[in-house]
Amino acid sequence: MNFVIGFHKRKKKRRKEAQKQHEESLRRKRIEARKKRKLEEMMVAGNAEETEDVETEVEDAENKEVKKSERVALCLIQGDQQGSRHLR
């Protein structure tokens, strides 16, 4: 009996962690969008031509990290949904 209860708690914890990761990735995407908008505004004003390359490299590295965390969260969520079907 304890194993089943423990499994449910672990499952809930995995889902909660996946949700947190998903929310974090969405937050990072919003931050990236703001950075791009600000950079575009600066380019229109003619101030950001020198900093564009550095910003692009930083954004590319962050985007790769966000994609990895999204895949992990999605796999965890999908795995939990498939597992719950088999338990019923």
C-alpha atoms as a PDB file:
ATOM      1  CA  MET A   1       0.000   0.000   0.000  1.00  0.00           C
ATOM      2  CA  ASN A   2       2.808   2.448   0.799  1.00  0.00           C
ATOM      3  CA  PHE A   3       4.373   1.909  -2.601  1.00  0.00           C
ATOM      4  CA  VAL A   4       1.244   3.108  -4.403  1.00  0.00           C
ATOM      5  CA  ILE A   5       0.981   6.207  -2.222  1.00  0.00           C
ATOM      6  CA  GLY A   6       4.675   6.942  -2.716  1.00  0.00           C
ATOM      7  CA  PHE A   7       4.315   6.523  -6.457  1.00  0.00           C
ATOM      8  CA  HIS A   8       1.481   9.034  -6.562  1.00  0.00           C
ATOM      9  CA  LYS A   9       3.526  11.569  -4.614  1.00  0.00           C
ATOM     10  CA  ARG A  10       6.520  11.108  -6.905  1.00  0.00           C
ATOM     11  CA  LYS A  11       4.287  11.414  -9.949  1.00  0.00           C
ATOM     12  CA  LYS A  12       2.769  14.656  -8.656  1.00  0.00           C
ATOM     13  CA  LYS A  13       6.246  15.965  -7.913  1.00  0.00           C
ATOM     14  CA  ARG A  14       7.443  15.150 -11.456  1.00  0.00           C
ATOM     15  CA  ARG A  15       4.438  16.920 -12.943  1.00  0.00           C
ATOM     16  CA  LYS A  16       5.004  19.951 -10.739  1.00  0.00           C
ATOM     17  CA  GLU A  17       8.686  20.104 -11.729  1.00  0.00           C
ATOM     18  CA  ALA A  18       7.790  19.805 -15.416  1.00  0.00           C
ATOM     19  CA  GLN A  19       5.262  22.618 -15.040  1.00  0.00           C
ATOM     20  CA  LYS A  20       7.882  24.818 -13.352  1.00  0.00           C
ATOM     21  CA  GLN A  21      10.357  24.138 -16.156  1.00  0.00           C
ATOM     22  CA  HIS A  22       7.718  24.966 -18.742  1.00  0.00           C
ATOM     23  CA  GLU A  23       6.857  28.241 -16.997  1.00  0.00           C
ATOM     24  CA  GLU A  24      10.561  29.101 -16.769  1.00  0.00           C
ATOM     25  CA  SER A  25      11.023  28.479 -20.487  1.00  0.00           C
ATOM     26  CA  LEU A  26       8.044  30.715 -21.265  1.00  0.00           C
ATOM     27  CA  ARG A  27       9.508  33.415 -19.017  1.00  0.00           C
ATOM     28  CA  ARG A  28      12.841  33.176 -20.854  1.00  0.00           C
ATOM     29  CA  LYS A  29      11.064  33.477 -24.191  1.00  0.00           C
ATOM     30  CA  ARG A  30       9.336  36.658 -23.021  1.00  0.00           C
ATOM     31  CA  ILE A  31      12.665  38.064 -21.877  1.00  0.00           C
ATOM     32  CA  GLU A  32      14.228  37.217 -25.236  1.00  0.00           C
ATOM     33  CA  ALA A  33      11.376  38.906 -27.076  1.00  0.00           C
ATOM     34  CA  ARG A  34      11.884  42.046 -24.986  1.00  0.00           C
ATOM     35  CA  LYS A  35      15.632  41.983 -25.706  1.00  0.00           C
ATOM     36  CA  LYS A  36      15.001  41.670 -29.432  1.00  0.00           C
ATOM     37  CA  ARG A  37      12.473  44.505 -29.419  1.00  0.00           C
ATOM     38  CA  LYS A  38      14.848  46.750 -27.526  1.00  0.00           C
ATOM     39  CA  LEU A  39      17.706  45.845 -29.853  1.00  0.00           C
ATOM     40  CA  GLU A  40      15.550  46.584 -32.894  1.00  0.00           C
ATOM     41  CA  GLU A  41      14.554  49.935 -31.421  1.00  0.00           C
ATOM     42  CA  MET A  42      18.200  50.762 -30.806  1.00  0.00           C
ATOM     43  CA  MET A  43      19.109  49.722 -34.355  1.00  0.00           C
ATOM     44  CA  VAL A  44      16.423  52.004 -35.753  1.00  0.00           C
ATOM     45  CA  ALA A  45      17.968  54.811 -33.748  1.00  0.00           C
ATOM     46  CA  GLY A  46      21.418  53.766 -35.071  1.00  0.00           C
ATOM     47  CA  ASN A  47      22.961  52.977 -31.697  1.00  0.00           C
ATOM     48  CA  ALA A  48      23.258  49.187 -31.618  1.00  0.00           C
ATOM     49  CA  GLU A  49      25.260  48.227 -34.697  1.00  0.00           C
ATOM     50  CA  GLU A  50      28.312  47.297 -32.621  1.00  0.00           C
ATOM     51  CA  THR A  51      26.474  45.340 -29.928  1.00  0.00           C
ATOM     52  CA  GLU A  52      24.318  43.324 -32.333  1.00  0.00           C
ATOM     53  CA  ASP A  53      26.840  40.489 -32.787  1.00  0.00           C
ATOM     54  CA  VAL A  54      27.383  40.023 -29.059  1.00  0.00           C
ATOM     55  CA  GLU A  55      23.637  40.076 -28.350  1.00  0.00           C
ATOM     56  CA  THR A  56      22.989  37.535 -31.120  1.00  0.00           C
ATOM     57  CA  GLU A  57      25.564  35.101 -29.722  1.00  0.00           C
ATOM     58  CA  VAL A  58      24.112  35.359 -26.223  1.00  0.00           C
ATOM     59  CA  GLU A  59      20.564  34.888 -27.522  1.00  0.00           C
ATOM     60  CA  ASP A  60      21.556  31.813 -29.551  1.00  0.00           C
ATOM     61  CA  ALA A  61      23.144  30.163 -26.515  1.00  0.00           C
ATOM     62  CA  GLU A  62      20.100  30.909 -24.354  1.00  0.00           C
ATOM     63  CA  ASN A  63      17.693  29.647 -27.029  1.00  0.00           C
ATOM     64  CA  LYS A  64      19.506  26.304 -27.173  1.00  0.00           C
ATOM     65  CA  GLU A  65      19.198  25.974 -23.396  1.00  0.00           C
ATOM     66  CA  VAL A  66      15.489  26.851 -23.482  1.00  0.00           C
ATOM     67  CA  LYS A  67      14.782  24.270 -26.198  1.00  0.00           C
ATOM     68  CA  LYS A  68      16.468  21.538 -24.152  1.00  0.00           C
ATOM     69  CA  SER A  69      14.445  22.345 -21.041  1.00  0.00           C
ATOM     70  CA  GLU A  70      11.224  22.449 -23.087  1.00  0.00           C
ATOM     71  CA  ARG A  71      11.910  18.985 -24.483  1.00  0.00           C
ATOM     72  CA  VAL A  72      12.561  17.590 -21.003  1.00  0.00           C
ATOM     73  CA  ALA A  73       9.377  19.123 -19.611  1.00  0.00           C
ATOM     74  CA  LEU A  74       7.307  17.913 -22.544  1.00  0.00           C
ATOM     75  CA  CYS A  75       8.676  14.371 -22.237  1.00  0.00           C
ATOM     76  CA  LEU A  76       7.897  14.314 -18.527  1.00  0.00           C
ATOM     77  CA  ILE A  77       4.354  15.540 -19.071  1.00  0.00           C
ATOM     78  CA  GLN A  78       3.694  13.134 -21.933  1.00  0.00           C
ATOM     79  CA  GLY A  79       5.220  10.248 -19.986  1.00  0.00           C
ATOM     80  CA  ASP A  80       2.954  10.941 -17.034  1.00  0.00           C
ATOM     81  CA  GLN A  81      -0.118  11.078 -19.232  1.00  0.00           C
ATOM     82  CA  GLN A  82       0.722   7.797 -20.917  1.00  0.00           C
ATOM     83  CA  GLY A  83       1.517   6.141 -17.597  1.00  0.00           C
ATOM     84  CA  SER A  84      -1.807   7.168 -16.099  1.00  0.00           C
ATOM     85  CA  ARG A  85      -3.683   5.532 -18.962  1.00  0.00           C
ATOM     86  CA  HIS A  86      -2.038   2.201 -18.242  1.00  0.00           C
ATOM     87  CA  LEU A  87      -2.802   2.337 -14.544  1.00  0.00           C
ATOM     88  CA  ARG A  88      -6.550   2.723 -14.954  1.00  0.00           C
END
